[in-house]
Amino acid sequence: MPGSRFGEPRKQPIFEMDRVVTQRNDVATAFKASAKANLDIIGPSLGASASGEVEASVRRETVLTAHDRLVHHRVKALPNLRWEVSEADKSQLDGTYLESDSLVRFTRTERANRTAVLARATVRQRDVAIGNVVKDLISWKYFERFNTTQRRLLDIFIAKSIDSALRGSGKYVGEITLSSANVKLPDEE
């Protein structure tokens, strides 16, 4: 029954976040000018001297602030009767994303001779993250020795094995079927 599991981590379908971007620009300009003049006349001793110096500086500071409100839909309808379930930060899915929600509704057309619905929940093989189920010391030591390439090859092997066990026979297409439902409605007379 929907809502009967207590402590079920339910996720809201829309995730909103605020992002504030602040940019600060400082511009400082300094000017310095100096002048010096000397006048000497030979004869009766006459001498003159003059000097001057001017310093100036200008500083300007600009602060730009932008407020963005980002909306992420955790469950999104895609073309070709497909759905995408994802987190905003691309982390692993953890929780209940749809509960008691109807994704598709079917109605029987008049004088239809057969009615059947086939629904599958699939995930792309590259999106599957396989972790250690048993986290004891022996398991950690065994899986710790693999490098990244070996670990990825092991993940591909496990994904293909899961797919072949669930599908039975057929060519591997890069997707793993998590759930499948085939509903045949009886003919109306």
C-alpha atoms as a PDB file:
ATOM      1  CA  MET A   1       0.000   0.000   0.000  1.00  0.00           C
ATOM      2  CA  PRO A   2       1.376   3.446  -0.835  1.00  0.00           C
ATOM      3  CA  GLY A   3       2.610   5.306   2.214  1.00  0.00           C
ATOM      4  CA  SER A   4       2.660   2.209   4.436  1.00  0.00           C
ATOM      5  CA  ARG A   5       6.446   2.045   4.881  1.00  0.00           C
ATOM      6  CA  PHE A   6       7.514   4.246   7.773  1.00  0.00           C
ATOM      7  CA  GLY A   7      10.881   5.941   7.493  1.00  0.00           C
ATOM      8  CA  GLU A   8      10.844   5.813   3.671  1.00  0.00           C
ATOM      9  CA  PRO A   9      13.178   8.544   2.367  1.00  0.00           C
ATOM     10  CA  ARG A  10      10.859  10.405  -0.014  1.00  0.00           C
ATOM     11  CA  LYS A  11      12.278  12.931  -2.449  1.00  0.00           C
ATOM     12  CA  GLN A  12      10.335  15.934  -3.665  1.00  0.00           C
ATOM     13  CA  PRO A  13       9.961  16.003  -7.471  1.00  0.00           C
ATOM     14  CA  ILE A  14      11.338  19.544  -7.758  1.00  0.00           C
ATOM     15  CA  PHE A  15      14.569  20.698  -6.124  1.00  0.00           C
ATOM     16  CA  GLU A  16      15.183  24.456  -5.939  1.00  0.00           C
ATOM     17  CA  MET A  17      18.461  26.079  -5.039  1.00  0.00           C
ATOM     18  CA  ASP A  18      19.698  29.648  -4.867  1.00  0.00           C
ATOM     19  CA  ARG A  19      23.072  30.604  -6.266  1.00  0.00           C
ATOM     20  CA  VAL A  20      24.749  33.920  -5.495  1.00  0.00           C
ATOM     21  CA  VAL A  21      27.703  34.973  -7.624  1.00  0.00           C
ATOM     22  CA  THR A  22      29.732  37.981  -6.470  1.00  0.00           C
ATOM     23  CA  GLN A  23      32.491  39.566  -8.515  1.00  0.00           C
ATOM     24  CA  ARG A  24      34.691  42.313  -7.129  1.00  0.00           C
ATOM     25  CA  ASN A  25      36.905  44.479  -9.346  1.00  0.00           C
ATOM     26  CA  ASP A  26      39.526  46.841  -7.922  1.00  0.00           C
ATOM     27  CA  VAL A  27      41.194  49.352 -10.206  1.00  0.00           C
ATOM     28  CA  ALA A  28      43.986  51.507  -8.837  1.00  0.00           C
ATOM     29  CA  THR A  29      45.891  54.062 -10.920  1.00  0.00           C
ATOM     30  CA  ALA A  30      48.784  56.166  -9.667  1.00  0.00           C
ATOM     31  CA  PHE A  31      50.336  59.194 -11.334  1.00  0.00           C
ATOM     32  CA  LYS A  32      53.660  60.774 -10.476  1.00  0.00           C
ATOM     33  CA  ALA A  33      55.174  63.821 -12.161  1.00  0.00           C
ATOM     34  CA  SER A  34      58.272  65.758 -11.315  1.00  0.00           C
ATOM     35  CA  ALA A  35      60.054  68.740 -12.828  1.00  0.00           C
ATOM     36  CA  LYS A  36      63.402  70.402 -12.093  1.00  0.00           C
ATOM     37  CA  ALA A  37      64.985  73.505 -13.580  1.00  0.00           C
ATOM     38  CA  ASN A  38      68.447  75.066 -13.019  1.00  0.00           C
ATOM     39  CA  LEU A  39      69.700  78.428 -14.257  1.00  0.00           C
ATOM     40  CA  ASP A  40      73.368  79.417 -13.960  1.00  0.00           C
ATOM     41  CA  ILE A  41      74.816  82.618 -15.389  1.00  0.00           C
ATOM     42  CA  ILE A  42      78.547  83.044 -15.513  1.00  0.00           C
ATOM     43  CA  GLY A  43      79.744  86.435 -14.543  1.00  0.00           C
ATOM     44  CA  PRO A  44      78.468  88.027 -11.461  1.00  0.00           C
ATOM     45  CA  SER A  45      77.299  84.986  -9.660  1.00  0.00           C
ATOM     46  CA  LEU A  46      73.683  84.395 -10.348  1.00  0.00           C
ATOM     47  CA  GLY A  47      72.022  81.053  -9.933  1.00  0.00           C
ATOM     48  CA  ALA A  48      68.470  79.916  -9.749  1.00  0.00           C
ATOM     49  CA  SER A  49      66.985  76.568  -9.073  1.00  0.00           C
ATOM     50  CA  ALA A  50      63.413  75.307  -9.062  1.00  0.00           C
ATOM     51  CA  SER A  51      61.910  71.859  -8.608  1.00  0.00           C
ATOM     52  CA  GLY A  52      58.455  70.437  -8.184  1.00  0.00           C
ATOM     53  CA  GLU A  53      56.774  67.068  -7.726  1.00  0.00           C
ATOM     54  CA  VAL A  54      53.150  66.036  -7.983  1.00  0.00           C
ATOM     55  CA  GLU A  55      51.635  62.678  -6.944  1.00  0.00           C
ATOM     56  CA  ALA A  56      48.066  61.556  -7.463  1.00  0.00           C
ATOM     57  CA  SER A  57      46.283  58.245  -7.212  1.00  0.00           C
ATOM     58  CA  VAL A  58      42.789  57.081  -8.111  1.00  0.00           C
ATOM     59  CA  ARG A  59      41.141  53.933  -6.779  1.00  0.00           C
ATOM     60  CA  ARG A  60      37.824  52.554  -7.989  1.00  0.00           C
ATOM     61  CA  GLU A  61      36.028  49.458  -6.691  1.00  0.00           C
ATOM     62  CA  THR A  62      33.098  47.745  -8.421  1.00  0.00           C
ATOM     63  CA  VAL A  63      31.035  44.934  -6.900  1.00  0.00           C
ATOM     64  CA  LEU A  64      28.664  42.907  -9.096  1.00  0.00           C
ATOM     65  CA  THR A  65      26.233  40.476  -7.476  1.00  0.00           C
ATOM     66  CA  ALA A  66      23.909  38.099  -9.341  1.00  0.00           C
ATOM     67  CA  HIS A  67      21.194  35.986  -7.711  1.00  0.00           C
ATOM     68  CA  ASP A  68      20.064  32.892  -9.630  1.00  0.00           C
ATOM     69  CA  ARG A  69      17.266  30.513  -8.700  1.00  0.00           C
ATOM     70  CA  LEU A  70      17.890  27.095 -10.227  1.00  0.00           C
ATOM     71  CA  VAL A  71      15.109  24.527 -10.488  1.00  0.00           C
ATOM     72  CA  HIS A  72      15.937  20.852 -11.009  1.00  0.00           C
ATOM     73  CA  HIS A  73      13.228  18.311 -11.826  1.00  0.00           C
ATOM     74  CA  ARG A  74      14.258  14.978 -10.332  1.00  0.00           C
ATOM     75  CA  VAL A  75      11.765  13.082 -12.504  1.00  0.00           C
ATOM     76  CA  LYS A  76      11.557  14.369 -16.061  1.00  0.00           C
ATOM     77  CA  ALA A  77       9.536  13.097 -19.020  1.00  0.00           C
ATOM     78  CA  LEU A  78      11.577  12.523 -22.187  1.00  0.00           C
ATOM     79  CA  PRO A  79      10.454  11.802 -25.742  1.00  0.00           C
ATOM     80  CA  ASN A  80       9.638   8.267 -26.881  1.00  0.00           C
ATOM     81  CA  LEU A  81       7.859   7.372 -23.603  1.00  0.00           C
ATOM     82  CA  ARG A  82      11.039   7.573 -21.531  1.00  0.00           C
ATOM     83  CA  TRP A  83      11.629   9.090 -18.104  1.00  0.00           C
ATOM     84  CA  GLU A  84      14.810  10.383 -16.529  1.00  0.00           C
ATOM     85  CA  VAL A  85      15.371  10.255 -12.779  1.00  0.00           C
ATOM     86  CA  SER A  86      18.430  12.167 -11.546  1.00  0.00           C
ATOM     87  CA  GLU A  87      19.808  14.281  -8.732  1.00  0.00           C
ATOM     88  CA  ALA A  88      20.934  17.880  -9.244  1.00  0.00           C
ATOM     89  CA  ASP A  89      24.551  17.110  -8.302  1.00  0.00           C
ATOM     90  CA  LYS A  90      24.629  13.873 -10.377  1.00  0.00           C
ATOM     91  CA  SER A  91      25.012  11.775  -7.215  1.00  0.00           C
ATOM     92  CA  GLN A  92      23.623   8.258  -6.840  1.00  0.00           C
ATOM     93  CA  LEU A  93      19.886   7.849  -6.498  1.00  0.00           C
ATOM     94  CA  ASP A  94      18.789   7.093  -2.948  1.00  0.00           C
ATOM     95  CA  GLY A  95      15.169   7.252  -1.904  1.00  0.00           C
ATOM     96  CA  THR A  96      11.651   7.125  -3.291  1.00  0.00           C
ATOM     97  CA  TYR A  97      11.192   9.481  -6.223  1.00  0.00           C
ATOM     98  CA  LEU A  98       7.664   8.545  -7.272  1.00  0.00           C
ATOM     99  CA  GLU A  99       5.015   7.325  -4.909  1.00  0.00           C
ATOM    100  CA  SER A 100       1.404   6.825  -5.943  1.00  0.00           C
ATOM    101  CA  ASP A 101       2.002   8.923  -9.072  1.00  0.00           C
ATOM    102  CA  SER A 102       0.571   7.912 -12.414  1.00  0.00           C
ATOM    103  CA  LEU A 103       3.113   8.235 -15.190  1.00  0.00           C
ATOM    104  CA  VAL A 104       0.861   6.938 -17.973  1.00  0.00           C
ATOM    105  CA  ARG A 105      -2.878   6.313 -18.276  1.00  0.00           C
ATOM    106  CA  PHE A 106      -4.397   4.028 -20.888  1.00  0.00           C
ATOM    107  CA  THR A 107      -7.930   3.834 -22.150  1.00  0.00           C
ATOM    108  CA  ARG A 108      -9.320   1.112 -24.359  1.00  0.00           C
ATOM    109  CA  THR A 109     -10.642   2.241 -27.694  1.00  0.00           C
ATOM    110  CA  GLU A 110     -13.988   1.005 -28.846  1.00  0.00           C
ATOM    111  CA  ARG A 111     -14.050  -2.381 -30.598  1.00  0.00           C
ATOM    112  CA  ALA A 112     -10.374  -3.105 -29.805  1.00  0.00           C
ATOM    113  CA  ASN A 113      -9.741  -6.818 -30.227  1.00  0.00           C
ATOM    114  CA  ARG A 114      -6.612  -6.981 -28.035  1.00  0.00           C
ATOM    115  CA  THR A 115      -5.205  -4.792 -25.306  1.00  0.00           C
ATOM    116  CA  ALA A 116      -1.811  -5.258 -23.701  1.00  0.00           C
ATOM    117  CA  VAL A 117       0.654  -2.999 -21.941  1.00  0.00           C
ATOM    118  CA  LEU A 118       4.365  -3.716 -21.586  1.00  0.00           C
ATOM    119  CA  ALA A 119       6.268  -1.433 -19.230  1.00  0.00           C
ATOM    120  CA  ARG A 120       9.951  -1.663 -18.328  1.00  0.00           C
ATOM    121  CA  ALA A 121      12.167   0.292 -15.973  1.00  0.00           C
ATOM    122  CA  THR A 122      15.647   0.299 -17.501  1.00  0.00           C
ATOM    123  CA  VAL A 123      18.910   2.005 -16.705  1.00  0.00           C
ATOM    124  CA  ARG A 124      21.898   2.560 -18.962  1.00  0.00           C
ATOM    125  CA  GLN A 125      24.821   0.343 -18.099  1.00  0.00           C
ATOM    126  CA  ARG A 126      27.202   3.301 -17.850  1.00  0.00           C
ATOM    127  CA  ASP A 127      24.962   4.876 -15.181  1.00  0.00           C
ATOM    128  CA  VAL A 128      25.102   1.844 -12.891  1.00  0.00           C
ATOM    129  CA  ALA A 129      27.415   2.145  -9.895  1.00  0.00           C
ATOM    130  CA  ILE A 130      28.188  -1.184  -8.257  1.00  0.00           C
ATOM    131  CA  GLY A 131      29.483  -1.088  -4.703  1.00  0.00           C
ATOM    132  CA  ASN A 132      30.521  -3.683  -2.177  1.00  0.00           C
ATOM    133  CA  VAL A 133      27.486  -5.279  -0.584  1.00  0.00           C
ATOM    134  CA  VAL A 134      29.479  -6.950   2.174  1.00  0.00           C
ATOM    135  CA  LYS A 135      31.839  -4.461   3.754  1.00  0.00           C
ATOM    136  CA  ASP A 136      34.011  -6.714   5.867  1.00  0.00           C
ATOM    137  CA  LEU A 137      37.821  -6.684   6.000  1.00  0.00           C
ATOM    138  CA  ILE A 138      38.287  -9.552   3.504  1.00  0.00           C
ATOM    139  CA  SER A 139      36.054  -7.866   0.893  1.00  0.00           C
ATOM    140  CA  TRP A 140      37.830  -4.534   1.293  1.00  0.00           C
ATOM    141  CA  LYS A 141      41.250  -6.147   0.821  1.00  0.00           C
ATOM    142  CA  TYR A 142      40.054  -8.110  -2.237  1.00  0.00           C
ATOM    143  CA  PHE A 143      38.521  -5.134  -4.086  1.00  0.00           C
ATOM    144  CA  GLU A 144      41.246  -2.714  -2.974  1.00  0.00           C
ATOM    145  CA  ARG A 145      43.822  -4.359  -5.223  1.00  0.00           C
ATOM    146  CA  PHE A 146      41.989  -3.460  -8.459  1.00  0.00           C
ATOM    147  CA  ASN A 147      43.012  -0.326 -10.328  1.00  0.00           C
ATOM    148  CA  THR A 148      40.409   1.930 -11.980  1.00  0.00           C
ATOM    149  CA  THR A 149      40.430   0.094 -15.327  1.00  0.00           C
ATOM    150  CA  GLN A 150      40.104  -3.336 -13.712  1.00  0.00           C
ATOM    151  CA  ARG A 151      37.296  -2.077 -11.474  1.00  0.00           C
ATOM    152  CA  ARG A 152      35.419  -0.646 -14.485  1.00  0.00           C
ATOM    153  CA  LEU A 153      35.816  -3.929 -16.403  1.00  0.00           C
ATOM    154  CA  LEU A 154      34.465  -5.813 -13.381  1.00  0.00           C
ATOM    155  CA  ASP A 155      31.488  -3.428 -13.264  1.00  0.00           C
ATOM    156  CA  ILE A 156      30.790  -4.070 -16.981  1.00  0.00           C
ATOM    157  CA  PHE A 157      30.982  -7.841 -16.429  1.00  0.00           C
ATOM    158  CA  ILE A 158      28.578  -7.644 -13.474  1.00  0.00           C
ATOM    159  CA  ALA A 159      26.159  -5.423 -15.423  1.00  0.00           C
ATOM    160  CA  LYS A 160      26.151  -7.812 -18.389  1.00  0.00           C
ATOM    161  CA  SER A 161      25.637 -10.779 -16.064  1.00  0.00           C
ATOM    162  CA  ILE A 162      22.687  -9.098 -14.356  1.00  0.00           C
ATOM    163  CA  ASP A 163      21.155  -8.219 -17.727  1.00  0.00           C
ATOM    164  CA  SER A 164      21.549 -11.743 -19.131  1.00  0.00           C
ATOM    165  CA  ALA A 165      20.078 -13.255 -15.959  1.00  0.00           C
ATOM    166  CA  LEU A 166      17.049 -10.956 -16.102  1.00  0.00           C
ATOM    167  CA  ARG A 167      16.529 -10.958 -19.866  1.00  0.00           C
ATOM    168  CA  GLY A 168      17.266 -14.646 -20.360  1.00  0.00           C
ATOM    169  CA  SER A 169      18.354 -14.595 -23.955  1.00  0.00           C
ATOM    170  CA  GLY A 170      18.973 -11.866 -26.458  1.00  0.00           C
ATOM    171  CA  LYS A 171      21.628  -9.381 -27.380  1.00  0.00           C
ATOM    172  CA  TYR A 172      22.993  -7.021 -24.777  1.00  0.00           C
ATOM    173  CA  VAL A 173      22.004  -3.453 -25.716  1.00  0.00           C
ATOM    174  CA  GLY A 174      23.774  -1.446 -23.003  1.00  0.00           C
ATOM    175  CA  GLU A 175      20.726  -1.212 -20.741  1.00  0.00           C
ATOM    176  CA  ILE A 176      19.782  -3.217 -17.684  1.00  0.00           C
ATOM    177  CA  THR A 177      16.114  -3.949 -17.078  1.00  0.00           C
ATOM    178  CA  LEU A 178      15.312  -3.311 -13.430  1.00  0.00           C
ATOM    179  CA  SER A 179      11.630  -4.092 -13.607  1.00  0.00           C
ATOM    180  CA  SER A 180       9.186  -5.312 -16.229  1.00  0.00           C
ATOM    181  CA  ALA A 181       5.391  -5.573 -16.273  1.00  0.00           C
ATOM    182  CA  ASN A 182       3.269  -7.111 -19.014  1.00  0.00           C
ATOM    183  CA  VAL A 183      -0.464  -6.589 -18.464  1.00  0.00           C
ATOM    184  CA  LYS A 184      -3.019  -8.161 -20.791  1.00  0.00           C
ATOM    185  CA  LEU A 185      -6.560  -7.023 -20.304  1.00  0.00           C
ATOM    186  CA  PRO A 186      -9.348  -9.493 -21.036  1.00  0.00           C
ATOM    187  CA  ASP A 187     -11.483  -8.855 -24.089  1.00  0.00           C
ATOM    188  CA  GLU A 188     -14.819  -7.215 -23.444  1.00  0.00           C
ATOM    189  CA  GLU A 189     -17.835  -9.021 -24.802  1.00  0.00           C
END
